[in-house]
Amino acid sequence: MPASLPPKAADEHGAQKEFRLALLVLLLALIVTLLPDGAQTPMASFLRGTVLRPFLAMQESLVASRNRAVEVSILQERIDSLTARAVARTTVEAENRLLRGLLDLSGELGPGWRAVRVLRPGTSDSRSTLLVDAGTDDGIALRAPLITREGLAGVIREALPEQSVGMDWSHPDFRASAMTLDGLWFGLVESRAGPFREADRLILLGVPFNAPVDSGTVVVTSGLGVLPRGIPIGRVRAVADSMGGWQKSYWLDPFVEPGSVTHALVALEGTAVSDDVTGTWTEAELLQAQERAARLRLLDDSLRVALDSIRGLEDALRAYTAPDTTGGGRP
């Protein structure tokens, strides 16, 4: 048994073999062209069935592979198009849901609030900064609250004639006087930065040591500062610290995800201090954005199932009341 050739020698041997086969095919083609007309057809058929058969099979395989590649490319384009449509539809549905929520909230709050669009500067040193497309000419004042359907998103830091600059709750300067939803315990909410944006948290400070504040307790604005009373801030997660046996601080899970805020309501001048919005959010509506979206999807699914059931009953009723053409009558 001959020893195996080195890779380089094997490649050279294969190239020489292919070259010899190509010469053989070329020689056979020349021979066929030199034959008389009556002998060319039988000889060509013989060569196609013997010597040229592997080459013809290879050509058919290449053509088939090329056709499959084209079909796969067309199919991939269709999949990409459908995916893009699905993503666009999901985005539009999410934005419509957000705008409907703000419209409902605006109707409940009254005329002292204005719908605004919120933009991000996009620089690394201003990740907690918001740009609002309304200013003092529209009645926006300093420290006016920015809220979404979920609750407090931030406040206005600088009010200019045609636009304003705000900060969301993750800003290190954010402060809000707060209380538990039942109005029994008060404190101050501040921001605590995490190692990355999603790890930013809120902390409730200054709660009496013996206050029975359990995990899951809802915290809202107290109305003691410049913010109206009753705007949802977050839920108590756990005790953060006990200071000398006379005060406690608690970590909060915020209702509003700051990075997702694109539209909001801002209080007009004179609204922030005078209004009490405690009754705007029922306890069942105190949800984070992803919880609200999940609940809406569940509701949509339930309505879809109910609609399918109604259609099935209608079809059964039409079938039962249709004229009997068999002559056998109905039971």
C-alpha atoms as a PDB file:
ATOM      1  CA  MET A   1       0.000   0.000   0.000  1.00  0.00           C
ATOM      2  CA  PRO A   2       1.638   3.296  -1.024  1.00  0.00           C
ATOM      3  CA  ALA A   3       2.456   5.770   1.695  1.00  0.00           C
ATOM      4  CA  SER A   4       0.268   8.852   2.012  1.00  0.00           C
ATOM      5  CA  LEU A   5       1.484  11.927   0.147  1.00  0.00           C
ATOM      6  CA  PRO A   6       2.189  15.211   1.952  1.00  0.00           C
ATOM      7  CA  PRO A   7      -0.650  17.773   1.583  1.00  0.00           C
ATOM      8  CA  LYS A   8       1.301  19.909  -0.917  1.00  0.00           C
ATOM      9  CA  ALA A   9       2.241  16.888  -3.026  1.00  0.00           C
ATOM     10  CA  ALA A  10      -1.346  15.606  -2.870  1.00  0.00           C
ATOM     11  CA  ASP A  11      -2.656  18.968  -4.145  1.00  0.00           C
ATOM     12  CA  GLU A  12      -0.142  18.941  -6.991  1.00  0.00           C
ATOM     13  CA  HIS A  13      -1.067  15.361  -7.865  1.00  0.00           C
ATOM     14  CA  GLY A  14      -4.789  16.260  -7.908  1.00  0.00           C
ATOM     15  CA  ALA A  15      -4.147  19.304 -10.113  1.00  0.00           C
ATOM     16  CA  GLN A  16      -2.142  17.189 -12.567  1.00  0.00           C
ATOM     17  CA  LYS A  17      -4.953  14.630 -12.663  1.00  0.00           C
ATOM     18  CA  GLU A  18      -7.566  17.284 -13.399  1.00  0.00           C
ATOM     19  CA  PHE A  19      -5.318  18.763 -16.103  1.00  0.00           C
ATOM     20  CA  ARG A  20      -4.919  15.378 -17.791  1.00  0.00           C
ATOM     21  CA  LEU A  21      -8.682  14.788 -17.698  1.00  0.00           C
ATOM     22  CA  ALA A  22      -9.301  18.218 -19.223  1.00  0.00           C
ATOM     23  CA  LEU A  23      -6.819  17.432 -22.020  1.00  0.00           C
ATOM     24  CA  LEU A  24      -8.526  14.088 -22.610  1.00  0.00           C
ATOM     25  CA  VAL A  25     -11.944  15.743 -22.922  1.00  0.00           C
ATOM     26  CA  LEU A  26     -10.533  18.349 -25.286  1.00  0.00           C
ATOM     27  CA  LEU A  27      -8.886  15.623 -27.400  1.00  0.00           C
ATOM     28  CA  LEU A  28     -12.115  13.615 -27.600  1.00  0.00           C
ATOM     29  CA  ALA A  29     -14.024  16.740 -28.646  1.00  0.00           C
ATOM     30  CA  LEU A  30     -11.529  17.355 -31.456  1.00  0.00           C
ATOM     31  CA  ILE A  31     -11.791  13.735 -32.600  1.00  0.00           C
ATOM     32  CA  VAL A  32     -15.596  13.928 -32.719  1.00  0.00           C
ATOM     33  CA  THR A  33     -15.466  17.084 -34.828  1.00  0.00           C
ATOM     34  CA  LEU A  34     -13.159  15.329 -37.348  1.00  0.00           C
ATOM     35  CA  LEU A  35     -15.502  12.362 -37.817  1.00  0.00           C
ATOM     36  CA  PRO A  36     -17.976  12.195 -40.723  1.00  0.00           C
ATOM     37  CA  ASP A  37     -21.430  13.626 -40.052  1.00  0.00           C
ATOM     38  CA  GLY A  38     -23.037  10.200 -39.863  1.00  0.00           C
ATOM     39  CA  ALA A  39     -20.616   8.988 -37.197  1.00  0.00           C
ATOM     40  CA  GLN A  40     -20.586  12.098 -35.006  1.00  0.00           C
ATOM     41  CA  THR A  41     -23.990  11.535 -33.366  1.00  0.00           C
ATOM     42  CA  PRO A  42     -23.390   7.891 -32.289  1.00  0.00           C
ATOM     43  CA  MET A  43     -19.894   8.742 -31.064  1.00  0.00           C
ATOM     44  CA  ALA A  44     -21.167  11.786 -29.145  1.00  0.00           C
ATOM     45  CA  SER A  45     -23.853   9.652 -27.482  1.00  0.00           C
ATOM     46  CA  PHE A  46     -21.277   7.033 -26.573  1.00  0.00           C
ATOM     47  CA  LEU A  47     -18.936   9.627 -25.033  1.00  0.00           C
ATOM     48  CA  ARG A  48     -21.771  11.265 -23.052  1.00  0.00           C
ATOM     49  CA  GLY A  49     -22.684   7.890 -21.566  1.00  0.00           C
ATOM     50  CA  THR A  50     -19.101   6.881 -20.689  1.00  0.00           C
ATOM     51  CA  VAL A  51     -16.202   9.316 -20.460  1.00  0.00           C
ATOM     52  CA  LEU A  52     -18.212  12.530 -20.166  1.00  0.00           C
ATOM     53  CA  ARG A  53     -20.833  11.172 -17.787  1.00  0.00           C
ATOM     54  CA  PRO A  54     -19.080  12.353 -14.561  1.00  0.00           C
ATOM     55  CA  PHE A  55     -18.525  15.796 -16.048  1.00  0.00           C
ATOM     56  CA  LEU A  56     -22.150  16.117 -17.124  1.00  0.00           C
ATOM     57  CA  ALA A  57     -23.341  14.967 -13.697  1.00  0.00           C
ATOM     58  CA  MET A  58     -21.088  17.551 -12.080  1.00  0.00           C
ATOM     59  CA  GLN A  59     -22.473  20.283 -14.349  1.00  0.00           C
ATOM     60  CA  GLU A  60     -26.062  19.312 -13.457  1.00  0.00           C
ATOM     61  CA  SER A  61     -25.139  19.366  -9.785  1.00  0.00           C
ATOM     62  CA  LEU A  62     -23.614  22.839 -10.131  1.00  0.00           C
ATOM     63  CA  VAL A  63     -26.688  24.152 -11.941  1.00  0.00           C
ATOM     64  CA  ALA A  64     -28.982  22.655  -9.282  1.00  0.00           C
ATOM     65  CA  SER A  65     -26.846  24.166  -6.494  1.00  0.00           C
ATOM     66  CA  ARG A  66     -26.948  27.568  -8.182  1.00  0.00           C
ATOM     67  CA  ASN A  67     -30.744  27.375  -8.504  1.00  0.00           C
ATOM     68  CA  ARG A  68     -31.075  26.378  -4.849  1.00  0.00           C
ATOM     69  CA  ALA A  69     -28.877  29.317  -3.845  1.00  0.00           C
ATOM     70  CA  VAL A  70     -31.150  31.678  -5.787  1.00  0.00           C
ATOM     71  CA  GLU A  71     -34.261  30.168  -4.166  1.00  0.00           C
ATOM     72  CA  VAL A  72     -32.687  30.442  -0.708  1.00  0.00           C
ATOM     73  CA  SER A  73     -31.781  34.076  -1.403  1.00  0.00           C
ATOM     74  CA  ILE A  74     -35.347  34.875  -2.466  1.00  0.00           C
ATOM     75  CA  LEU A  75     -36.751  33.076   0.582  1.00  0.00           C
ATOM     76  CA  GLN A  76     -34.357  34.943   2.878  1.00  0.00           C
ATOM     77  CA  GLU A  77     -35.457  38.256   1.383  1.00  0.00           C
ATOM     78  CA  ARG A  78     -39.089  37.360   2.038  1.00  0.00           C
ATOM     79  CA  ILE A  79     -38.299  36.327   5.626  1.00  0.00           C
ATOM     80  CA  ASP A  80     -36.391  39.579   6.200  1.00  0.00           C
ATOM     81  CA  SER A  81     -39.303  41.562   4.780  1.00  0.00           C
ATOM     82  CA  LEU A  82     -41.833  39.775   6.996  1.00  0.00           C
ATOM     83  CA  THR A  83     -39.578  40.224  10.023  1.00  0.00           C
ATOM     84  CA  ALA A  84     -39.237  43.946   9.335  1.00  0.00           C
ATOM     85  CA  ARG A  85     -43.018  44.264   8.990  1.00  0.00           C
ATOM     86  CA  ALA A  86     -43.579  42.376  12.241  1.00  0.00           C
ATOM     87  CA  VAL A  87     -41.058  44.547  14.105  1.00  0.00           C
ATOM     88  CA  ALA A  88     -42.565  47.731  12.657  1.00  0.00           C
ATOM     89  CA  ARG A  89     -46.063  46.587  13.591  1.00  0.00           C
ATOM     90  CA  THR A  90     -44.958  45.734  17.130  1.00  0.00           C
ATOM     91  CA  THR A  91     -43.277  49.135  17.472  1.00  0.00           C
ATOM     92  CA  VAL A  92     -46.345  50.971  16.171  1.00  0.00           C
ATOM     93  CA  GLU A  93     -48.646  49.004  18.466  1.00  0.00           C
ATOM     94  CA  ALA A  94     -46.429  49.763  21.469  1.00  0.00           C
ATOM     95  CA  GLU A  95     -46.343  53.478  20.614  1.00  0.00           C
ATOM     96  CA  ASN A  96     -50.112  53.559  20.064  1.00  0.00           C
ATOM     97  CA  ARG A  97     -50.621  51.854  23.412  1.00  0.00           C
ATOM     98  CA  LEU A  98     -48.341  54.433  25.055  1.00  0.00           C
ATOM     99  CA  LEU A  99     -50.132  57.379  23.451  1.00  0.00           C
ATOM    100  CA  ARG A 100     -53.560  55.980  24.336  1.00  0.00           C
ATOM    101  CA  GLY A 101     -52.407  55.612  27.944  1.00  0.00           C
ATOM    102  CA  LEU A 102     -51.181  59.218  28.038  1.00  0.00           C
ATOM    103  CA  LEU A 103     -54.422  60.439  26.438  1.00  0.00           C
ATOM    104  CA  ASP A 104     -56.478  58.642  29.083  1.00  0.00           C
ATOM    105  CA  LEU A 105     -54.212  59.983  31.831  1.00  0.00           C
ATOM    106  CA  SER A 106     -54.468  63.535  30.474  1.00  0.00           C
ATOM    107  CA  GLY A 107     -58.242  63.298  30.510  1.00  0.00           C
ATOM    108  CA  GLU A 108     -58.220  62.185  34.137  1.00  0.00           C
ATOM    109  CA  LEU A 109     -55.738  64.857  35.274  1.00  0.00           C
ATOM    110  CA  GLY A 110     -57.482  67.777  33.589  1.00  0.00           C
ATOM    111  CA  PRO A 111     -56.270  70.853  31.695  1.00  0.00           C
ATOM    112  CA  GLY A 112     -53.284  71.608  33.944  1.00  0.00           C
ATOM    113  CA  TRP A 113     -51.059  69.125  32.102  1.00  0.00           C
ATOM    114  CA  ARG A 114     -49.514  69.168  28.637  1.00  0.00           C
ATOM    115  CA  ALA A 115     -48.412  66.237  26.466  1.00  0.00           C
ATOM    116  CA  VAL A 116     -44.775  66.556  25.346  1.00  0.00           C
ATOM    117  CA  ARG A 117     -42.260  64.587  23.366  1.00  0.00           C
ATOM    118  CA  VAL A 118     -39.115  63.532  25.197  1.00  0.00           C
ATOM    119  CA  LEU A 119     -35.715  63.187  23.511  1.00  0.00           C
ATOM    120  CA  ARG A 120     -32.256  62.151  24.708  1.00  0.00           C
ATOM    121  CA  PRO A 121     -29.136  64.265  24.023  1.00  0.00           C
ATOM    122  CA  GLY A 122     -27.227  61.068  23.213  1.00  0.00           C
ATOM    123  CA  THR A 123     -23.948  62.016  24.923  1.00  0.00           C
ATOM    124  CA  SER A 124     -22.203  59.853  27.516  1.00  0.00           C
ATOM    125  CA  ASP A 125     -22.206  62.599  30.168  1.00  0.00           C
ATOM    126  CA  SER A 126     -25.958  63.277  29.909  1.00  0.00           C
ATOM    127  CA  ARG A 127     -27.577  59.859  30.122  1.00  0.00           C
ATOM    128  CA  SER A 128     -30.074  61.080  32.752  1.00  0.00           C
ATOM    129  CA  THR A 129     -30.944  64.282  30.841  1.00  0.00           C
ATOM    130  CA  LEU A 130     -34.199  64.763  28.941  1.00  0.00           C
ATOM    131  CA  LEU A 131     -35.003  67.270  26.211  1.00  0.00           C
ATOM    132  CA  VAL A 132     -38.655  68.363  26.153  1.00  0.00           C
ATOM    133  CA  ASP A 133     -40.269  70.045  23.135  1.00  0.00           C
ATOM    134  CA  ALA A 134     -42.122  72.685  25.211  1.00  0.00           C
ATOM    135  CA  GLY A 135     -40.944  75.646  27.275  1.00  0.00           C
ATOM    136  CA  THR A 136     -41.994  78.739  29.193  1.00  0.00           C
ATOM    137  CA  ASP A 137     -43.986  79.999  26.194  1.00  0.00           C
ATOM    138  CA  ASP A 138     -46.171  76.909  26.677  1.00  0.00           C
ATOM    139  CA  GLY A 139     -46.526  77.393  30.446  1.00  0.00           C
ATOM    140  CA  ILE A 140     -43.730  75.019  31.525  1.00  0.00           C
ATOM    141  CA  ALA A 141     -41.989  76.049  34.759  1.00  0.00           C
ATOM    142  CA  LEU A 142     -38.895  74.975  36.670  1.00  0.00           C
ATOM    143  CA  ARG A 143     -39.265  71.755  38.741  1.00  0.00           C
ATOM    144  CA  ALA A 144     -42.469  70.790  36.932  1.00  0.00           C
ATOM    145  CA  PRO A 145     -42.988  67.005  37.100  1.00  0.00           C
ATOM    146  CA  LEU A 146     -42.797  64.747  34.062  1.00  0.00           C
ATOM    147  CA  ILE A 147     -45.092  61.747  34.326  1.00  0.00           C
ATOM    148  CA  THR A 148     -46.083  58.736  32.242  1.00  0.00           C
ATOM    149  CA  ARG A 149     -48.957  56.313  32.633  1.00  0.00           C
ATOM    150  CA  GLU A 150     -46.784  54.383  35.093  1.00  0.00           C
ATOM    151  CA  GLY A 151     -45.858  57.344  37.308  1.00  0.00           C
ATOM    152  CA  LEU A 152     -43.085  59.873  37.962  1.00  0.00           C
ATOM    153  CA  ALA A 153     -40.411  59.919  35.240  1.00  0.00           C
ATOM    154  CA  GLY A 154     -38.513  63.058  36.278  1.00  0.00           C
ATOM    155  CA  VAL A 155     -38.674  66.839  36.651  1.00  0.00           C
ATOM    156  CA  ILE A 156     -37.809  69.956  34.629  1.00  0.00           C
ATOM    157  CA  ARG A 157     -34.346  71.359  35.444  1.00  0.00           C
ATOM    158  CA  GLU A 158     -34.244  74.271  33.035  1.00  0.00           C
ATOM    159  CA  ALA A 159     -37.179  75.944  31.276  1.00  0.00           C
ATOM    160  CA  LEU A 160     -36.389  77.875  28.096  1.00  0.00           C
ATOM    161  CA  PRO A 161     -38.890  79.764  25.902  1.00  0.00           C
ATOM    162  CA  GLU A 162     -39.426  77.004  23.318  1.00  0.00           C
ATOM    163  CA  GLN A 163     -37.987  73.903  24.968  1.00  0.00           C
ATOM    164  CA  SER A 164     -36.979  72.578  28.355  1.00  0.00           C
ATOM    165  CA  VAL A 165     -34.282  70.403  29.864  1.00  0.00           C
ATOM    166  CA  GLY A 166     -35.321  67.789  32.382  1.00  0.00           C
ATOM    167  CA  MET A 167     -33.786  64.989  34.407  1.00  0.00           C
ATOM    168  CA  ASP A 168     -35.188  61.534  34.969  1.00  0.00           C
ATOM    169  CA  TRP A 169     -35.212  59.886  38.389  1.00  0.00           C
ATOM    170  CA  SER A 170     -31.791  58.274  37.789  1.00  0.00           C
ATOM    171  CA  HIS A 171     -30.066  61.688  37.865  1.00  0.00           C
ATOM    172  CA  PRO A 172     -27.849  62.178  40.963  1.00  0.00           C
ATOM    173  CA  ASP A 173     -29.632  65.484  41.736  1.00  0.00           C
ATOM    174  CA  PHE A 174     -33.106  63.943  41.721  1.00  0.00           C
ATOM    175  CA  ARG A 175     -35.084  64.380  44.961  1.00  0.00           C
ATOM    176  CA  ALA A 176     -38.767  63.882  45.731  1.00  0.00           C
ATOM    177  CA  SER A 177     -40.699  64.179  48.962  1.00  0.00           C
ATOM    178  CA  ALA A 178     -42.613  60.907  49.266  1.00  0.00           C
ATOM    179  CA  MET A 179     -45.022  58.893  51.390  1.00  0.00           C
ATOM    180  CA  THR A 180     -46.539  55.450  51.479  1.00  0.00           C
ATOM    181  CA  LEU A 181     -49.801  55.135  49.537  1.00  0.00           C
ATOM    182  CA  ASP A 182     -51.848  55.012  52.748  1.00  0.00           C
ATOM    183  CA  GLY A 183     -50.376  58.394  53.780  1.00  0.00           C
ATOM    184  CA  LEU A 184     -49.046  57.127  57.132  1.00  0.00           C
ATOM    185  CA  TRP A 185     -45.277  57.318  56.599  1.00  0.00           C
ATOM    186  CA  PHE A 186     -43.176  59.992  54.911  1.00  0.00           C
ATOM    187  CA  GLY A 187     -39.625  60.230  53.657  1.00  0.00           C
ATOM    188  CA  LEU A 188     -37.350  61.485  50.879  1.00  0.00           C
ATOM    189  CA  VAL A 189     -36.661  59.563  47.651  1.00  0.00           C
ATOM    190  CA  GLU A 190     -33.233  59.845  46.034  1.00  0.00           C
ATOM    191  CA  SER A 191     -31.392  58.131  43.198  1.00  0.00           C
ATOM    192  CA  ARG A 192     -28.558  55.650  43.623  1.00  0.00           C
ATOM    193  CA  ALA A 193     -26.443  54.901  40.548  1.00  0.00           C
ATOM    194  CA  GLY A 194     -25.642  51.277  39.700  1.00  0.00           C
ATOM    195  CA  PRO A 195     -22.690  49.875  37.733  1.00  0.00           C
ATOM    196  CA  PHE A 196     -24.830  50.160  34.559  1.00  0.00           C
ATOM    197  CA  ARG A 197     -28.060  51.921  33.542  1.00  0.00           C
ATOM    198  CA  GLU A 198     -30.404  49.024  34.299  1.00  0.00           C
ATOM    199  CA  ALA A 199     -28.955  48.776  37.823  1.00  0.00           C
ATOM    200  CA  ASP A 200     -29.885  52.364  38.826  1.00  0.00           C
ATOM    201  CA  ARG A 201     -32.206  52.355  41.837  1.00  0.00           C
ATOM    202  CA  LEU A 202     -34.260  54.597  44.072  1.00  0.00           C
ATOM    203  CA  ILE A 203     -33.989  54.724  47.831  1.00  0.00           C
ATOM    204  CA  LEU A 204     -36.547  55.985  50.358  1.00  0.00           C
ATOM    205  CA  LEU A 205     -34.828  57.750  53.270  1.00  0.00           C
ATOM    206  CA  GLY A 206     -35.949  59.007  56.659  1.00  0.00           C
ATOM    207  CA  VAL A 207     -38.709  56.517  57.499  1.00  0.00           C
ATOM    208  CA  PRO A 208     -39.180  55.990  61.263  1.00  0.00           C
ATOM    209  CA  PHE A 209     -37.464  52.848  62.514  1.00  0.00           C
ATOM    210  CA  ASN A 210     -40.666  51.236  63.836  1.00  0.00           C
ATOM    211  CA  ALA A 211     -42.790  52.013  60.769  1.00  0.00           C
ATOM    212  CA  PRO A 212     -44.414  48.809  59.404  1.00  0.00           C
ATOM    213  CA  VAL A 213     -43.367  49.273  55.765  1.00  0.00           C
ATOM    214  CA  ASP A 214     -43.522  45.878  54.073  1.00  0.00           C
ATOM    215  CA  SER A 215     -42.076  44.700  50.791  1.00  0.00           C
ATOM    216  CA  GLY A 216     -44.435  45.655  47.953  1.00  0.00           C
ATOM    217  CA  THR A 217     -45.704  48.826  49.645  1.00  0.00           C
ATOM    218  CA  VAL A 218     -46.424  51.535  47.058  1.00  0.00           C
ATOM    219  CA  VAL A 219     -44.642  54.877  47.481  1.00  0.00           C
ATOM    220  CA  VAL A 220     -46.028  58.096  45.928  1.00  0.00           C
ATOM    221  CA  THR A 221     -45.191  61.798  46.020  1.00  0.00           C
ATOM    222  CA  SER A 222     -46.335  63.462  49.246  1.00  0.00           C
ATOM    223  CA  GLY A 223     -47.184  66.973  47.993  1.00  0.00           C
ATOM    224  CA  LEU A 224     -44.935  68.574  50.612  1.00  0.00           C
ATOM    225  CA  GLY A 225     -42.485  69.908  48.012  1.00  0.00           C
ATOM    226  CA  VAL A 226     -43.067  71.213  44.499  1.00  0.00           C
ATOM    227  CA  LEU A 227     -44.622  67.989  43.205  1.00  0.00           C
ATOM    228  CA  PRO A 228     -48.346  67.261  43.519  1.00  0.00           C
ATOM    229  CA  ARG A 229     -49.501  64.645  45.953  1.00  0.00           C
ATOM    230  CA  GLY A 230     -50.138  61.105  44.732  1.00  0.00           C
ATOM    231  CA  ILE A 231     -47.837  60.507  41.715  1.00  0.00           C
ATOM    232  CA  PRO A 232     -46.614  56.886  41.854  1.00  0.00           C
ATOM    233  CA  ILE A 233     -42.855  56.470  42.326  1.00  0.00           C
ATOM    234  CA  GLY A 234     -42.237  52.797  43.035  1.00  0.00           C
ATOM    235  CA  ARG A 235     -42.681  49.778  45.294  1.00  0.00           C
ATOM    236  CA  VAL A 236     -40.658  48.906  48.357  1.00  0.00           C
ATOM    237  CA  ARG A 237     -38.315  46.015  47.643  1.00  0.00           C
ATOM    238  CA  ALA A 238     -36.325  45.587  50.850  1.00  0.00           C
ATOM    239  CA  VAL A 239     -34.692  47.395  53.759  1.00  0.00           C
ATOM    240  CA  ALA A 240     -31.545  49.219  52.619  1.00  0.00           C
ATOM    241  CA  ASP A 241     -30.179  50.395  55.980  1.00  0.00           C
ATOM    242  CA  SER A 242     -31.084  50.921  59.636  1.00  0.00           C
ATOM    243  CA  MET A 243     -29.568  54.063  61.115  1.00  0.00           C
ATOM    244  CA  GLY A 244     -28.977  53.982  64.860  1.00  0.00           C
ATOM    245  CA  GLY A 245     -32.292  52.360  65.672  1.00  0.00           C
ATOM    246  CA  TRP A 246     -34.299  55.494  64.835  1.00  0.00           C
ATOM    247  CA  GLN A 247     -34.575  55.549  61.031  1.00  0.00           C
ATOM    248  CA  LYS A 248     -34.723  53.111  58.132  1.00  0.00           C
ATOM    249  CA  SER A 249     -34.166  53.419  54.414  1.00  0.00           C
ATOM    250  CA  TYR A 250     -35.745  51.183  51.762  1.00  0.00           C
ATOM    251  CA  TRP A 251     -34.815  50.197  48.211  1.00  0.00           C
ATOM    252  CA  LEU A 252     -37.587  50.900  45.705  1.00  0.00           C
ATOM    253  CA  ASP A 253     -38.463  49.263  42.395  1.00  0.00           C
ATOM    254  CA  PRO A 254     -39.389  52.312  40.239  1.00  0.00           C
ATOM    255  CA  PHE A 255     -42.582  52.180  38.207  1.00  0.00           C
ATOM    256  CA  VAL A 256     -41.009  54.092  35.292  1.00  0.00           C
ATOM    257  CA  GLU A 257     -38.106  52.743  33.249  1.00  0.00           C
ATOM    258  CA  PRO A 258     -36.283  55.999  32.380  1.00  0.00           C
ATOM    259  CA  GLY A 259     -34.667  54.738  29.188  1.00  0.00           C
ATOM    260  CA  SER A 260     -38.076  53.941  27.667  1.00  0.00           C
ATOM    261  CA  VAL A 261     -39.637  57.394  28.115  1.00  0.00           C
ATOM    262  CA  THR A 262     -40.405  58.965  24.714  1.00  0.00           C
ATOM    263  CA  HIS A 263     -43.640  60.815  25.529  1.00  0.00           C
ATOM    264  CA  ALA A 264     -44.846  62.258  28.818  1.00  0.00           C
ATOM    265  CA  LEU A 265     -47.171  64.746  30.488  1.00  0.00           C
ATOM    266  CA  VAL A 266     -45.682  67.834  32.137  1.00  0.00           C
ATOM    267  CA  ALA A 267     -47.466  70.018  34.687  1.00  0.00           C
ATOM    268  CA  LEU A 268     -48.150  73.597  33.635  1.00  0.00           C
ATOM    269  CA  GLU A 269     -47.230  76.519  35.848  1.00  0.00           C
ATOM    270  CA  GLY A 270     -49.404  76.663  38.959  1.00  0.00           C
ATOM    271  CA  THR A 271     -50.462  73.014  38.702  1.00  0.00           C
ATOM    272  CA  ALA A 272     -47.656  71.198  40.501  1.00  0.00           C
ATOM    273  CA  VAL A 273     -48.320  72.473  44.035  1.00  0.00           C
ATOM    274  CA  SER A 274     -52.055  73.035  43.979  1.00  0.00           C
ATOM    275  CA  ASP A 275     -53.325  69.713  42.638  1.00  0.00           C
ATOM    276  CA  ASP A 276     -53.794  66.394  44.412  1.00  0.00           C
ATOM    277  CA  VAL A 277     -53.734  63.513  41.915  1.00  0.00           C
ATOM    278  CA  THR A 278     -53.969  60.658  44.403  1.00  0.00           C
ATOM    279  CA  GLY A 279     -57.167  59.253  42.890  1.00  0.00           C
ATOM    280  CA  THR A 280     -55.840  59.223  39.310  1.00  0.00           C
ATOM    281  CA  TRP A 281     -54.152  55.836  39.708  1.00  0.00           C
ATOM    282  CA  THR A 282     -56.177  53.036  41.253  1.00  0.00           C
ATOM    283  CA  GLU A 283     -54.253  50.370  43.123  1.00  0.00           C
ATOM    284  CA  ALA A 284     -54.801  47.936  40.243  1.00  0.00           C
ATOM    285  CA  GLU A 285     -53.187  50.419  37.824  1.00  0.00           C
ATOM    286  CA  LEU A 286     -49.956  50.768  39.796  1.00  0.00           C
ATOM    287  CA  LEU A 287     -47.851  48.718  37.402  1.00  0.00           C
ATOM    288  CA  GLN A 288     -44.480  48.901  35.735  1.00  0.00           C
ATOM    289  CA  ALA A 289     -44.488  49.329  31.952  1.00  0.00           C
ATOM    290  CA  GLN A 290     -43.653  45.673  31.241  1.00  0.00           C
ATOM    291  CA  GLU A 291     -46.341  44.519  33.698  1.00  0.00           C
ATOM    292  CA  ARG A 292     -48.906  46.766  32.036  1.00  0.00           C
ATOM    293  CA  ALA A 293     -47.918  45.516  28.567  1.00  0.00           C
ATOM    294  CA  ALA A 294     -48.133  41.876  29.707  1.00  0.00           C
ATOM    295  CA  ARG A 295     -51.560  42.478  31.207  1.00  0.00           C
ATOM    296  CA  LEU A 296     -52.781  44.172  28.015  1.00  0.00           C
ATOM    297  CA  ARG A 297     -51.511  41.264  25.920  1.00  0.00           C
ATOM    298  CA  LEU A 298     -53.325  38.834  28.201  1.00  0.00           C
ATOM    299  CA  LEU A 299     -56.486  40.904  27.854  1.00  0.00           C
ATOM    300  CA  ASP A 300     -56.128  40.965  24.056  1.00  0.00           C
ATOM    301  CA  ASP A 301     -55.692  37.180  24.007  1.00  0.00           C
ATOM    302  CA  SER A 302     -58.775  36.713  26.195  1.00  0.00           C
ATOM    303  CA  LEU A 303     -60.849  38.973  23.946  1.00  0.00           C
ATOM    304  CA  ARG A 304     -59.612  37.103  20.863  1.00  0.00           C
ATOM    305  CA  VAL A 305     -60.600  33.733  22.383  1.00  0.00           C
ATOM    306  CA  ALA A 306     -64.005  35.119  23.365  1.00  0.00           C
ATOM    307  CA  LEU A 307     -64.544  36.466  19.841  1.00  0.00           C
ATOM    308  CA  ASP A 308     -63.620  33.086  18.314  1.00  0.00           C
ATOM    309  CA  SER A 309     -66.090  31.370  20.669  1.00  0.00           C
ATOM    310  CA  ILE A 310     -68.857  33.779  19.678  1.00  0.00           C
ATOM    311  CA  ARG A 311     -68.160  33.180  15.989  1.00  0.00           C
ATOM    312  CA  GLY A 312     -68.273  29.429  16.584  1.00  0.00           C
ATOM    313  CA  LEU A 313     -71.669  29.725  18.293  1.00  0.00           C
ATOM    314  CA  GLU A 314     -72.956  31.890  15.440  1.00  0.00           C
ATOM    315  CA  ASP A 315     -71.843  29.282  12.895  1.00  0.00           C
ATOM    316  CA  ALA A 316     -73.499  26.503  14.894  1.00  0.00           C
ATOM    317  CA  LEU A 317     -76.704  28.542  15.181  1.00  0.00           C
ATOM    318  CA  ARG A 318     -76.768  29.245  11.434  1.00  0.00           C
ATOM    319  CA  ALA A 319     -76.226  25.563  10.689  1.00  0.00           C
ATOM    320  CA  TYR A 320     -79.061  24.585  13.038  1.00  0.00           C
ATOM    321  CA  THR A 321     -81.542  27.110  11.624  1.00  0.00           C
ATOM    322  CA  ALA A 322     -80.668  26.489   7.972  1.00  0.00           C
ATOM    323  CA  PRO A 323     -83.426  24.808   5.851  1.00  0.00           C
ATOM    324  CA  ASP A 324     -83.259  20.989   5.920  1.00  0.00           C
ATOM    325  CA  THR A 325     -82.797  19.738   2.348  1.00  0.00           C
ATOM    326  CA  THR A 326     -82.350  16.046   3.259  1.00  0.00           C
ATOM    327  CA  GLY A 327     -86.010  15.451   4.056  1.00  0.00           C
ATOM    328  CA  GLY A 328     -85.190  13.707   7.299  1.00  0.00           C
ATOM    329  CA  GLY A 329     -86.051  16.570   9.652  1.00  0.00           C
ATOM    330  CA  ARG A 330     -84.092  17.736  12.692  1.00  0.00           C
ATOM    331  CA  PRO A 331     -84.065  16.057  16.088  1.00  0.00           C
END
